[in-house]
Amino acid sequence: NWDAPTRSLILGAFFYGYMSTQIPGGILATHYGGKWILGLAILASSILTLLLPSAARWGVAPLVATRVMQVSCRSHYTVTSVQFASHCSCIA
């Protein structure tokens, strides 16, 4: 059982990870291609999702770190989706 500030920190980890990786994700997608970044992001996010319950048992700090890394991977979904959509609109 965590108190309200700890729960807020855990829930806020979503935004910390999401905001911090938008621009780097776009640069990576432009440089290496969207399909590679999207594929690796899905793989890494899936692995981190499996580790999430263990991180919660280890404590708040590992849980927040795992959550930030997980959401950092998920934020690349948006970036690569925009890149895919822009390529499709150029073809059409």
C-alpha atoms as a PDB file:
ATOM      1  CA  ASN A   1       0.000   0.000   0.000  1.00  0.00           C
ATOM      2  CA  TRP A   2       1.446   3.283  -1.108  1.00  0.00           C
ATOM      3  CA  ASP A   3       0.467   6.753   0.091  1.00  0.00           C
ATOM      4  CA  ALA A   4      -0.997   9.392  -2.229  1.00  0.00           C
ATOM      5  CA  PRO A   5       2.305  11.161  -3.108  1.00  0.00           C
ATOM      6  CA  THR A   6       3.929   7.833  -4.007  1.00  0.00           C
ATOM      7  CA  ARG A   7       0.994   6.857  -6.203  1.00  0.00           C
ATOM      8  CA  SER A   8       1.209  10.260  -7.884  1.00  0.00           C
ATOM      9  CA  LEU A   9       4.896   9.695  -8.600  1.00  0.00           C
ATOM     10  CA  ILE A  10       4.177   6.275 -10.104  1.00  0.00           C
ATOM     11  CA  LEU A  11       1.347   7.604 -12.268  1.00  0.00           C
ATOM     12  CA  GLY A  12       3.419  10.651 -13.238  1.00  0.00           C
ATOM     13  CA  ALA A  13       6.160   8.362 -14.546  1.00  0.00           C
ATOM     14  CA  PHE A  14       4.048   7.967 -17.694  1.00  0.00           C
ATOM     15  CA  PHE A  15       4.411  11.644 -18.557  1.00  0.00           C
ATOM     16  CA  TYR A  16       8.106  11.810 -17.625  1.00  0.00           C
ATOM     17  CA  GLY A  17       8.936   9.057 -20.078  1.00  0.00           C
ATOM     18  CA  TYR A  18       6.574  10.214 -22.786  1.00  0.00           C
ATOM     19  CA  MET A  19       7.707  13.833 -22.856  1.00  0.00           C
ATOM     20  CA  SER A  20      11.407  13.063 -22.688  1.00  0.00           C
ATOM     21  CA  THR A  21      11.556  10.842 -25.775  1.00  0.00           C
ATOM     22  CA  GLN A  22       9.410  12.490 -28.441  1.00  0.00           C
ATOM     23  CA  ILE A  23      12.208  14.399 -30.192  1.00  0.00           C
ATOM     24  CA  PRO A  24      14.872  11.668 -29.850  1.00  0.00           C
ATOM     25  CA  GLY A  25      12.329   9.159 -31.188  1.00  0.00           C
ATOM     26  CA  GLY A  26      11.685  11.325 -34.227  1.00  0.00           C
ATOM     27  CA  ILE A  27      15.384  11.667 -34.913  1.00  0.00           C
ATOM     28  CA  LEU A  28      15.894   7.906 -34.605  1.00  0.00           C
ATOM     29  CA  ALA A  29      12.899   7.169 -36.853  1.00  0.00           C
ATOM     30  CA  THR A  30      14.201   9.576 -39.486  1.00  0.00           C
ATOM     31  CA  HIS A  31      17.709   8.164 -39.341  1.00  0.00           C
ATOM     32  CA  TYR A  32      17.012   4.412 -39.089  1.00  0.00           C
ATOM     33  CA  GLY A  33      13.506   4.155 -40.495  1.00  0.00           C
ATOM     34  CA  GLY A  34      10.176   3.887 -38.770  1.00  0.00           C
ATOM     35  CA  LYS A  35       9.719   0.123 -39.022  1.00  0.00           C
ATOM     36  CA  TRP A  36      12.920  -0.643 -37.098  1.00  0.00           C
ATOM     37  CA  ILE A  37      12.212   1.859 -34.352  1.00  0.00           C
ATOM     38  CA  LEU A  38       8.593   0.725 -34.069  1.00  0.00           C
ATOM     39  CA  GLY A  39       9.574  -2.949 -33.948  1.00  0.00           C
ATOM     40  CA  LEU A  40      12.240  -2.409 -31.311  1.00  0.00           C
ATOM     41  CA  ALA A  41       9.936  -0.149 -29.308  1.00  0.00           C
ATOM     42  CA  ILE A  42       7.190  -2.788 -29.254  1.00  0.00           C
ATOM     43  CA  LEU A  43       9.670  -5.497 -28.252  1.00  0.00           C
ATOM     44  CA  ALA A  44      11.242  -3.420 -25.480  1.00  0.00           C
ATOM     45  CA  SER A  45       7.857  -2.234 -24.204  1.00  0.00           C
ATOM     46  CA  SER A  46       6.614  -5.829 -24.079  1.00  0.00           C
ATOM     47  CA  ILE A  47       9.636  -7.009 -22.111  1.00  0.00           C
ATOM     48  CA  LEU A  48       9.328  -4.110 -19.675  1.00  0.00           C
ATOM     49  CA  THR A  49       5.620  -4.858 -19.243  1.00  0.00           C
ATOM     50  CA  LEU A  50       6.543  -8.383 -18.168  1.00  0.00           C
ATOM     51  CA  LEU A  51       9.067  -6.969 -15.674  1.00  0.00           C
ATOM     52  CA  LEU A  52       6.625  -4.469 -14.160  1.00  0.00           C
ATOM     53  CA  PRO A  53       5.197  -6.727 -11.396  1.00  0.00           C
ATOM     54  CA  SER A  54       8.695  -7.720 -10.273  1.00  0.00           C
ATOM     55  CA  ALA A  55       9.775  -4.092 -10.214  1.00  0.00           C
ATOM     56  CA  ALA A  56       6.762  -3.257  -8.036  1.00  0.00           C
ATOM     57  CA  ARG A  57       7.829  -5.922  -5.539  1.00  0.00           C
ATOM     58  CA  TRP A  58      11.361  -4.498  -5.450  1.00  0.00           C
ATOM     59  CA  GLY A  59      10.119  -1.042  -4.495  1.00  0.00           C
ATOM     60  CA  VAL A  60       8.977   2.327  -5.723  1.00  0.00           C
ATOM     61  CA  ALA A  61      12.233   3.406  -7.399  1.00  0.00           C
ATOM     62  CA  PRO A  62      12.532   0.299  -9.622  1.00  0.00           C
ATOM     63  CA  LEU A  63       8.826   0.559 -10.461  1.00  0.00           C
ATOM     64  CA  VAL A  64       9.094   4.200 -11.504  1.00  0.00           C
ATOM     65  CA  ALA A  65      12.284   3.527 -13.499  1.00  0.00           C
ATOM     66  CA  THR A  66      10.687   0.573 -15.287  1.00  0.00           C
ATOM     67  CA  ARG A  67       7.552   2.585 -16.007  1.00  0.00           C
ATOM     68  CA  VAL A  68       9.551   5.523 -17.414  1.00  0.00           C
ATOM     69  CA  MET A  69      11.507   3.178 -19.693  1.00  0.00           C
ATOM     70  CA  GLN A  70       8.310   1.407 -20.760  1.00  0.00           C
ATOM     71  CA  VAL A  71       6.544   4.613 -21.684  1.00  0.00           C
ATOM     72  CA  SER A  72       9.690   5.904 -23.391  1.00  0.00           C
ATOM     73  CA  CYS A  73       9.371   2.949 -25.743  1.00  0.00           C
ATOM     74  CA  ARG A  74       5.648   3.522 -26.205  1.00  0.00           C
ATOM     75  CA  SER A  75       6.136   7.150 -27.151  1.00  0.00           C
ATOM     76  CA  HIS A  76       7.964   5.970 -30.262  1.00  0.00           C
ATOM     77  CA  TYR A  77       4.690   4.438 -31.477  1.00  0.00           C
ATOM     78  CA  THR A  78       3.321   7.923 -32.098  1.00  0.00           C
ATOM     79  CA  VAL A  79       6.453   9.189 -33.799  1.00  0.00           C
ATOM     80  CA  THR A  80       6.743   6.242 -36.157  1.00  0.00           C
ATOM     81  CA  SER A  81       3.009   6.282 -36.900  1.00  0.00           C
ATOM     82  CA  VAL A  82       3.298   9.876 -38.057  1.00  0.00           C
ATOM     83  CA  GLN A  83       6.280   8.936 -40.192  1.00  0.00           C
ATOM     84  CA  PHE A  84       4.367   6.024 -41.767  1.00  0.00           C
ATOM     85  CA  ALA A  85       1.358   8.246 -42.430  1.00  0.00           C
ATOM     86  CA  SER A  86       3.499  10.896 -44.090  1.00  0.00           C
ATOM     87  CA  HIS A  87       5.033   8.297 -46.427  1.00  0.00           C
ATOM     88  CA  CYS A  88       1.610   6.929 -47.329  1.00  0.00           C
ATOM     89  CA  SER A  89       0.224  10.370 -48.116  1.00  0.00           C
ATOM     90  CA  CYS A  90       3.179  11.044 -50.429  1.00  0.00           C
ATOM     91  CA  ILE A  91       2.514   7.842 -52.343  1.00  0.00           C
ATOM     92  CA  ALA A  92      -1.225   8.390 -52.702  1.00  0.00           C
END
